[in-house]
């Protein structure tokens, strides 16, 4: 409902009143009744067309709204930490004190260029940072803080993705030899089952498929080790729903894990577990990979040993544990596995993701195309017989 009421004796005696889409009463005073009516008509039209912006937007900064938006999101712990870091390091220093309703598309475009040129962020990183801000502004549109997101239409730098070049068998062997004996089986796990590093660190004995012994053991990947600042390590859900998977355990990995557990027996310890909804409970678990004191092996602690091993093995700088996952994928492809099988083994969300990463590793089909045609048409040709069409 909208109305205009007269307040005699005031400099602006005409007060326009209406309720916004959230139910809050909004008022504004005018010296002339015609101006009050015009304002009411504008607000009503904005509500009808979806262009209404709350007067609160004139007061709220990007930082204030960003923190409110971030606190309301339902994210995994690792995603929440990543978003907090992006806002703190890249968004707030440039736009944090701006009123949210004053940010223009040209401001976003200039900010993107600074991320690329001045901060020297990779194009893929710029896209991720921009995506977080775009998500925040989408929520601001729904909250009627802005009429249109200034992130729409931003021109992002092209991301020239380099094709994956798998490690060679010799490089994998050298890396394995260079790793500390306590975590050497982590390399064997990576090349024989393809887990992400956090999934490998969170692997427990009951998920290895070795206990009880089975003729066809399966590695169950349904959680990962999560470490957040100021909190003890806990077992949380994997990266996404599709990441939950059972991976066939080859004989070489069975032997490697058995030898590892014989030399470095796991110990029972109580750990906090958490699901996607944030519910927590405790379990007594046996982690496959731990420190010498039997504590969870964190990504940072493992990273130190990994970097030393990469250097000792003379591998390219920047070689990561994820490269073992690429090696595993290349083995599956070389031995004729389909895109869907590779997708399931790696826990990708879709076959498109698998093809975007590894399509260049699948064998070229040119020879098969020639053979297919020749196998049918080539046999019908006889020496000296014309192939001209019959009259």
Protein backbone atom coordinates (compact mmCIF):
# COMPACT_ATOMS: atom_id res chain seq x y z
CA UNK A 1 0.00 0.00 0.00
CA UNK A 2 1.21 3.51 -0.84
CA UNK A 3 -0.12 6.82 0.37
CA UNK A 4 0.67 10.52 0.74
CA UNK A 5 -0.05 12.33 3.96
CA UNK A 6 0.18 15.98 4.86
CA UNK A 7 2.24 17.16 7.85
CA UNK A 8 1.36 20.85 8.39
CA UNK A 9 3.94 23.23 9.76
CA UNK A 10 7.01 21.43 8.35
CA UNK A 11 9.39 22.64 5.62
CA UNK A 12 8.51 19.54 3.58
CA UNK A 13 4.89 18.90 4.51
CA UNK A 14 4.11 16.09 2.07
CA UNK A 15 5.22 12.60 3.18
CA UNK A 16 5.07 9.66 0.78
CA UNK A 17 4.73 6.24 2.43
CA UNK A 18 4.88 2.69 1.03
CA UNK A 19 6.01 -0.80 1.99
CA UNK A 20 8.91 -2.36 0.10
CA UNK A 21 9.06 -6.00 -1.06
CA UNK A 22 10.46 -7.06 2.32
CA UNK A 23 7.49 -5.50 4.14
CA UNK A 24 9.42 -2.60 5.61
CA UNK A 25 7.81 0.82 5.60
CA UNK A 26 9.66 3.45 3.57
CA UNK A 27 8.98 7.17 3.83
CA UNK A 28 10.24 10.33 2.22
CA UNK A 29 9.23 13.98 2.68
CA UNK A 30 8.65 16.49 -0.15
CA UNK A 31 7.78 20.17 -0.38
CA UNK A 32 5.22 19.55 -3.12
CA UNK A 33 2.56 16.86 -3.32
CA UNK A 34 3.24 16.31 -7.03
CA UNK A 35 6.86 15.41 -6.24
CA UNK A 36 5.73 12.95 -3.58
CA UNK A 37 3.37 11.30 -6.05
CA UNK A 38 6.07 11.10 -8.72
CA UNK A 39 8.44 9.41 -6.27
CA UNK A 40 5.78 6.89 -5.24
CA UNK A 41 5.07 6.10 -8.90
CA UNK A 42 8.79 5.53 -9.52
CA UNK A 43 9.12 3.16 -6.55
CA UNK A 44 6.00 1.24 -7.53
CA UNK A 45 7.22 0.85 -11.11
CA UNK A 46 10.64 -0.30 -9.86
CA UNK A 47 9.02 -2.97 -7.69
CA UNK A 48 6.85 -4.21 -10.55
CA UNK A 49 9.78 -4.39 -13.01
CA UNK A 50 12.20 -5.89 -10.50
CA UNK A 51 14.42 -2.79 -10.47
CA UNK A 52 13.67 -1.71 -6.91
CA UNK A 53 16.68 -0.93 -4.74
CA UNK A 54 16.45 -0.65 -0.99
CA UNK A 55 17.36 2.77 0.48
CA UNK A 56 19.68 0.82 2.81
CA UNK A 57 22.02 0.33 -0.14
CA UNK A 58 23.07 3.95 0.15
CA UNK A 59 24.61 3.14 3.54
CA UNK A 60 25.99 -0.41 3.18
CA UNK A 61 29.57 -0.93 1.99
CA UNK A 62 30.84 -3.84 -0.08
CA UNK A 63 32.75 -5.11 2.97
CA UNK A 64 29.69 -4.96 5.23
CA UNK A 65 27.47 -6.74 2.77
CA UNK A 66 30.21 -9.21 1.85
CA UNK A 67 30.66 -10.32 5.46
CA UNK A 68 26.89 -10.65 5.89
CA UNK A 69 26.66 -12.69 2.67
CA UNK A 70 29.64 -14.89 3.55
CA UNK A 71 28.26 -15.74 7.00
CA UNK A 72 24.95 -16.86 5.47
CA UNK A 73 26.43 -19.27 2.92
CA UNK A 74 26.38 -23.03 3.35
CA UNK A 75 29.83 -24.14 2.22
CA UNK A 76 32.28 -26.88 3.05
CA UNK A 77 34.97 -25.72 5.44
CA UNK A 78 37.63 -25.58 2.72
CA UNK A 79 35.36 -23.56 0.42
CA UNK A 80 34.43 -21.17 3.23
CA UNK A 81 38.12 -20.57 3.97
CA UNK A 82 38.86 -19.97 0.29
CA UNK A 83 36.04 -17.43 -0.06
CA UNK A 84 37.13 -15.60 3.10
CA UNK A 85 40.67 -15.41 1.76
CA UNK A 86 39.57 -14.11 -1.66
CA UNK A 87 37.41 -11.38 -0.13
CA UNK A 88 40.08 -10.35 2.36
CA UNK A 89 43.04 -10.36 -0.04
CA UNK A 90 41.54 -9.26 -3.35
CA UNK A 91 38.07 -7.73 -3.00
CA UNK A 92 38.07 -5.64 0.15
CA UNK A 93 41.37 -3.80 -0.43
CA UNK A 94 40.02 -2.47 -3.75
CA UNK A 95 36.25 -2.19 -3.21
CA UNK A 96 35.58 -2.83 0.47
CA UNK A 97 34.80 0.74 1.49
CA UNK A 98 32.67 1.55 -1.55
CA UNK A 99 28.92 1.79 -1.07
CA UNK A 100 27.54 -1.32 -2.71
CA UNK A 101 25.05 0.62 -4.83
CA UNK A 102 27.79 2.85 -6.27
CA UNK A 103 29.96 0.09 -7.80
CA UNK A 104 29.78 0.30 -11.60
CA UNK A 105 30.65 -2.27 -14.29
CA UNK A 106 33.62 -0.09 -15.28
CA UNK A 107 34.91 -0.36 -11.69
CA UNK A 108 34.77 -4.15 -11.88
CA UNK A 109 36.51 -4.20 -15.26
CA UNK A 110 39.32 -1.95 -13.98
CA UNK A 111 39.66 -4.13 -10.88
CA UNK A 112 39.99 -7.28 -13.00
CA UNK A 113 42.75 -5.64 -15.02
CA UNK A 114 44.64 -4.70 -11.84
CA UNK A 115 44.42 -8.29 -10.60
CA UNK A 116 45.95 -9.46 -13.86
CA UNK A 117 48.56 -6.74 -14.46
CA UNK A 118 49.53 -5.39 -11.05
CA UNK A 119 49.01 -8.43 -8.82
CA UNK A 120 50.06 -10.80 -11.64
CA UNK A 121 47.36 -13.36 -10.88
CA UNK A 122 46.93 -16.17 -13.39
CA UNK A 123 43.88 -15.85 -15.69
CA UNK A 124 42.32 -18.91 -14.05
CA UNK A 125 42.77 -17.34 -10.60
CA UNK A 126 41.28 -14.04 -11.79
CA UNK A 127 38.23 -15.96 -13.00
CA UNK A 128 37.80 -17.63 -9.59
CA UNK A 129 38.17 -14.31 -7.72
CA UNK A 130 35.71 -12.59 -10.06
CA UNK A 131 33.31 -15.51 -9.64
CA UNK A 132 33.19 -15.03 -5.87
CA UNK A 133 32.40 -11.31 -6.22
CA UNK A 134 29.81 -12.06 -8.92
CA UNK A 135 28.07 -14.53 -6.58
CA UNK A 136 28.00 -11.90 -3.86
CA UNK A 137 26.44 -9.31 -6.20
CA UNK A 138 23.84 -11.84 -7.40
CA UNK A 139 22.74 -12.15 -3.80
CA UNK A 140 22.72 -8.35 -3.53
CA UNK A 141 20.34 -8.18 -6.49
CA UNK A 142 18.00 -10.64 -4.78
CA UNK A 143 18.20 -8.58 -1.59
CA UNK A 144 17.28 -5.42 -3.55
CA UNK A 145 20.58 -3.80 -2.65
CA UNK A 146 21.42 -3.23 -6.33
CA UNK A 147 19.20 -3.30 -9.40
CA UNK A 148 21.71 -5.07 -11.65
CA UNK A 149 24.98 -6.80 -10.83
CA UNK A 150 27.99 -4.74 -11.97
CA UNK A 151 29.79 -8.05 -12.61
CA UNK A 152 27.56 -8.86 -15.58
CA UNK A 153 29.39 -8.50 -18.87
CA UNK A 154 32.87 -8.31 -17.36
CA UNK A 155 35.48 -9.29 -19.90
CA UNK A 156 37.81 -11.80 -18.28
CA UNK A 157 41.30 -12.71 -19.55
CA UNK A 158 41.51 -15.78 -21.73
CA UNK A 159 42.74 -18.82 -19.91
CA UNK A 160 45.07 -20.70 -22.24
CA UNK A 161 45.04 -24.01 -20.45
CA UNK A 162 48.22 -25.97 -20.96
CA UNK A 163 47.63 -29.63 -21.87
CA UNK A 164 48.42 -32.14 -19.16
CA UNK A 165 51.79 -33.83 -19.66
CA UNK A 166 51.88 -36.95 -17.44
CA UNK A 167 55.03 -37.90 -15.59
CA UNK A 168 57.05 -40.76 -17.03
CA UNK A 169 57.45 -44.09 -15.27
CA UNK A 170 61.10 -43.22 -14.63
CA UNK A 171 60.12 -39.92 -13.00
CA UNK A 172 57.57 -41.66 -10.78
CA UNK A 173 60.19 -44.20 -9.70
CA UNK A 174 62.68 -41.44 -8.91
CA UNK A 175 60.08 -39.55 -6.88
CA UNK A 176 59.13 -42.66 -4.96
CA UNK A 177 62.78 -43.33 -4.09
CA UNK A 178 63.29 -39.74 -2.94
CA UNK A 179 60.31 -39.71 -0.56
CA UNK A 180 60.81 -40.47 3.14
CA UNK A 181 60.12 -44.15 3.76
CA UNK A 182 57.20 -43.33 6.07
CA UNK A 183 55.23 -41.68 3.25
CA UNK A 184 56.62 -43.50 0.21
CA UNK A 185 53.37 -45.43 -0.17
CA UNK A 186 51.61 -42.07 -0.72
CA UNK A 187 53.30 -41.96 -4.13
CA UNK A 188 52.24 -45.51 -4.92
CA UNK A 189 48.69 -44.70 -3.84
CA UNK A 190 48.62 -41.64 -6.09
CA UNK A 191 49.71 -43.43 -9.27
CA UNK A 192 47.66 -46.58 -8.63
CA UNK A 193 44.34 -45.07 -7.48
CA UNK A 194 44.44 -41.34 -8.29
CA UNK A 195 43.14 -39.74 -5.07
CA UNK A 196 43.46 -36.03 -4.38
CA UNK A 197 46.06 -35.26 -1.73
CA UNK A 198 43.47 -34.47 0.96
CA UNK A 199 41.69 -37.75 0.15
CA UNK A 200 44.96 -39.67 0.52
CA UNK A 201 45.75 -37.95 3.82
CA UNK A 202 42.29 -38.83 5.14
CA UNK A 203 42.45 -42.50 4.09
CA UNK A 204 41.74 -44.90 6.94
CA UNK A 205 42.59 -48.60 7.08
CA UNK A 206 38.95 -49.68 6.90
CA UNK A 207 38.68 -47.84 3.53
CA UNK A 208 41.67 -49.56 1.90
CA UNK A 209 39.85 -52.79 1.05
CA UNK A 210 42.59 -54.80 2.78
CA UNK A 211 40.67 -55.61 5.96
CA UNK A 212 39.15 -58.11 5.71
CA UNK A 213 41.19 -59.45 2.79
CA UNK A 214 39.28 -59.58 -0.50
CA UNK A 215 40.15 -61.13 -3.88
CA UNK A 216 38.89 -57.92 -5.53
CA UNK A 217 39.54 -55.13 -3.01
CA UNK A 218 38.04 -51.67 -3.50
CA UNK A 219 39.46 -48.42 -2.15
CA UNK A 220 36.58 -46.43 -0.66
CA UNK A 221 37.02 -42.66 -1.06
CA UNK A 222 34.26 -40.84 0.79
CA UNK A 223 36.05 -38.30 2.97
CA UNK A 224 39.16 -36.17 3.22
CA UNK A 225 41.41 -34.70 5.88
CA UNK A 226 40.49 -31.08 6.60
CA UNK A 227 42.73 -28.67 8.48
CA UNK A 228 41.48 -25.18 9.38
CA UNK A 229 43.37 -22.49 11.20
CA UNK A 230 42.82 -22.71 14.94
CA UNK A 231 41.06 -26.10 14.74
CA UNK A 232 42.31 -29.69 15.08
CA UNK A 233 42.33 -31.76 11.89
CA UNK A 234 39.08 -33.59 11.18
CA UNK A 235 37.57 -35.91 8.56
CA UNK A 236 35.14 -34.10 6.28
CA UNK A 237 33.21 -34.87 3.08
CA UNK A 238 35.13 -35.00 -0.22
CA UNK A 239 35.29 -32.15 -2.73
CA UNK A 240 31.86 -32.83 -4.25
CA UNK A 241 29.17 -35.50 -4.33
CA UNK A 242 30.70 -37.16 -7.41
CA UNK A 243 34.00 -37.49 -5.52
CA UNK A 244 32.57 -40.35 -3.48
CA UNK A 245 33.76 -43.44 -5.30
CA UNK A 246 35.10 -46.98 -5.08
CA UNK A 247 38.37 -47.55 -6.90
CA UNK A 248 39.63 -51.05 -7.80
CA UNK A 249 42.85 -51.72 -5.93
CA UNK A 250 45.52 -53.30 -8.18
CA UNK A 251 47.88 -55.93 -6.84
CA UNK A 252 50.82 -53.53 -6.80
CA UNK A 253 48.93 -51.18 -4.47
CA UNK A 254 47.76 -54.03 -2.24
CA UNK A 255 51.39 -55.00 -1.73
CA UNK A 256 52.54 -51.41 -1.21
CA UNK A 257 49.89 -50.64 1.41
CA UNK A 258 50.43 -53.97 3.17
CA UNK A 259 54.18 -53.33 3.39
CA UNK A 260 53.56 -49.77 4.58
CA UNK A 261 51.20 -50.85 7.37
CA UNK A 262 53.60 -53.61 8.41
CA UNK A 263 56.49 -51.15 8.73
CA UNK A 264 54.43 -48.24 10.10
CA UNK A 265 51.46 -49.75 11.96
CA UNK A 266 48.45 -47.50 12.29
CA UNK A 267 47.25 -46.49 15.73
CA UNK A 268 43.70 -45.98 16.94
CA UNK A 269 42.78 -42.38 17.59
CA UNK A 270 39.55 -40.49 18.11
CA UNK A 271 38.81 -37.92 15.44
CA UNK A 272 36.00 -35.52 14.73
CA UNK A 273 34.03 -36.25 11.55
CA UNK A 274 31.78 -33.78 9.75
CA UNK A 275 29.23 -34.16 6.95
CA UNK A 276 28.04 -31.76 4.23
CA UNK A 277 25.40 -30.24 6.52
CA UNK A 278 27.98 -29.42 9.20
CA UNK A 279 26.85 -32.14 11.61
CA UNK A 280 29.73 -33.50 13.68
CA UNK A 281 30.46 -36.70 15.57
CA UNK A 282 33.55 -38.58 16.72
CA UNK A 283 34.94 -41.87 15.46
CA UNK A 284 37.85 -44.05 16.46
CA UNK A 285 39.85 -44.42 13.25
CA UNK A 286 43.16 -45.78 11.95
CA UNK A 287 44.78 -43.34 9.56
CA UNK A 288 47.02 -44.98 6.98
CA UNK A 289 49.46 -42.05 6.84
CA UNK A 290 50.56 -40.26 10.01
CA UNK A 291 53.54 -38.48 11.50
CA UNK A 292 56.10 -40.35 13.57
CA UNK A 293 54.05 -39.42 16.65
CA UNK A 294 50.92 -40.98 15.18
CA UNK A 295 49.25 -37.62 14.49
CA UNK A 296 47.34 -36.82 11.27
CA UNK A 297 49.69 -35.94 8.42
CA UNK A 298 48.67 -32.46 7.33
CA UNK A 299 48.97 -31.12 3.81
CA UNK A 300 51.60 -28.56 4.88
CA UNK A 301 53.77 -31.17 6.63
CA UNK A 302 53.53 -33.55 3.68
CA UNK A 303 54.19 -30.64 1.30
CA UNK A 304 57.59 -30.01 2.86
CA UNK A 305 58.68 -33.61 2.28
CA UNK A 306 57.13 -33.58 -1.20
CA UNK A 307 59.02 -30.49 -2.35
CA UNK A 308 62.31 -31.93 -1.10
CA UNK A 309 61.63 -35.18 -2.96
CA UNK A 310 60.71 -33.35 -6.19
CA UNK A 311 64.00 -31.46 -6.02
CA UNK A 312 66.04 -34.59 -5.24
CA UNK A 313 64.38 -36.49 -8.10
CA UNK A 314 65.17 -33.62 -10.51
CA UNK A 315 61.52 -33.26 -11.48
CA UNK A 316 60.18 -30.00 -13.00
CA UNK A 317 59.60 -27.21 -10.49
CA UNK A 318 55.95 -27.06 -9.50
CA UNK A 319 55.36 -30.80 -9.78
CA UNK A 320 52.52 -31.51 -7.36
CA UNK A 321 50.78 -34.54 -5.89
CA UNK A 322 48.02 -33.90 -8.43
CA UNK A 323 50.49 -34.93 -11.15
CA UNK A 324 50.26 -38.48 -9.80
CA UNK A 325 46.52 -38.29 -10.41
CA UNK A 326 47.25 -37.26 -14.02
CA UNK A 327 49.62 -40.24 -14.32
CA UNK A 328 46.88 -42.59 -13.10
CA UNK A 329 44.42 -41.14 -15.63
CA UNK A 330 46.95 -41.57 -18.44
CA UNK A 331 47.40 -45.25 -17.51
CA UNK A 332 43.66 -45.86 -17.72
CA UNK A 333 43.45 -44.09 -21.08
CA UNK A 334 46.47 -45.93 -22.51
CA UNK A 335 44.82 -49.22 -21.64
CA UNK A 336 41.57 -48.43 -23.41
CA UNK A 337 39.27 -47.30 -20.61
CA UNK A 338 36.31 -45.16 -21.71
CA UNK A 339 35.67 -41.56 -20.75
CA UNK A 340 32.93 -42.62 -18.33
CA UNK A 341 35.19 -45.09 -16.55
CA UNK A 342 37.97 -42.52 -16.18
CA UNK A 343 35.40 -40.02 -14.93
CA UNK A 344 34.18 -42.41 -12.24
CA UNK A 345 37.68 -43.46 -11.15
CA UNK A 346 38.76 -39.83 -10.70
CA UNK A 347 35.51 -38.63 -9.14
CA UNK A 348 34.89 -35.93 -11.75
CA UNK A 349 31.48 -34.24 -11.75
CA UNK A 350 30.94 -34.90 -15.47
CA UNK A 351 32.48 -36.51 -18.53
CA UNK A 352 32.97 -32.99 -19.89
CA UNK A 353 35.41 -32.23 -17.07
CA UNK A 354 37.32 -35.42 -17.88
CA UNK A 355 37.48 -34.63 -21.60
CA UNK A 356 38.49 -31.00 -20.98
CA UNK A 357 41.47 -32.28 -19.02
CA UNK A 358 42.53 -35.43 -20.85
CA UNK A 359 41.01 -35.49 -24.36
CA UNK A 360 44.46 -35.05 -25.94
CA UNK A 361 45.64 -38.29 -24.29
CA UNK A 362 43.08 -40.53 -25.99
CA UNK A 363 44.47 -42.24 -29.11
CA UNK A 364 43.81 -40.49 -32.40
CA UNK A 365 41.03 -42.13 -34.41
CA UNK A 366 42.36 -41.38 -37.90
CA UNK A 367 43.83 -44.86 -38.46
CA UNK A 368 40.70 -46.54 -37.10
CA UNK A 369 38.60 -44.46 -39.51
CA UNK A 370 40.69 -45.58 -42.49
CA UNK A 371 40.61 -49.21 -41.36
CA UNK A 372 36.83 -49.12 -40.85
CA UNK A 373 36.21 -47.91 -44.41
CA UNK A 374 38.81 -50.22 -45.97
CA UNK A 375 37.43 -53.25 -44.14
CA UNK A 376 34.07 -52.79 -45.86
CA UNK A 377 34.80 -51.18 -49.19
CA UNK A 378 38.35 -52.29 -49.83
CA UNK A 379 37.43 -55.98 -50.17
CA UNK A 380 34.96 -55.27 -53.00
CA UNK A 381 37.66 -54.03 -55.34
CA UNK A 382 39.20 -56.61 -57.70
CA UNK A 383 42.38 -55.96 -59.67
CA UNK A 384 41.63 -54.80 -63.21
CA UNK A 385 37.88 -54.39 -62.58
CA UNK A 386 36.45 -50.95 -63.29
CA UNK A 387 34.50 -49.35 -60.45
CA UNK A 388 32.46 -47.16 -62.79
CA UNK A 389 28.76 -47.08 -62.11
CA UNK A 390 26.65 -49.60 -64.02
CA UNK A 391 24.43 -48.18 -66.77
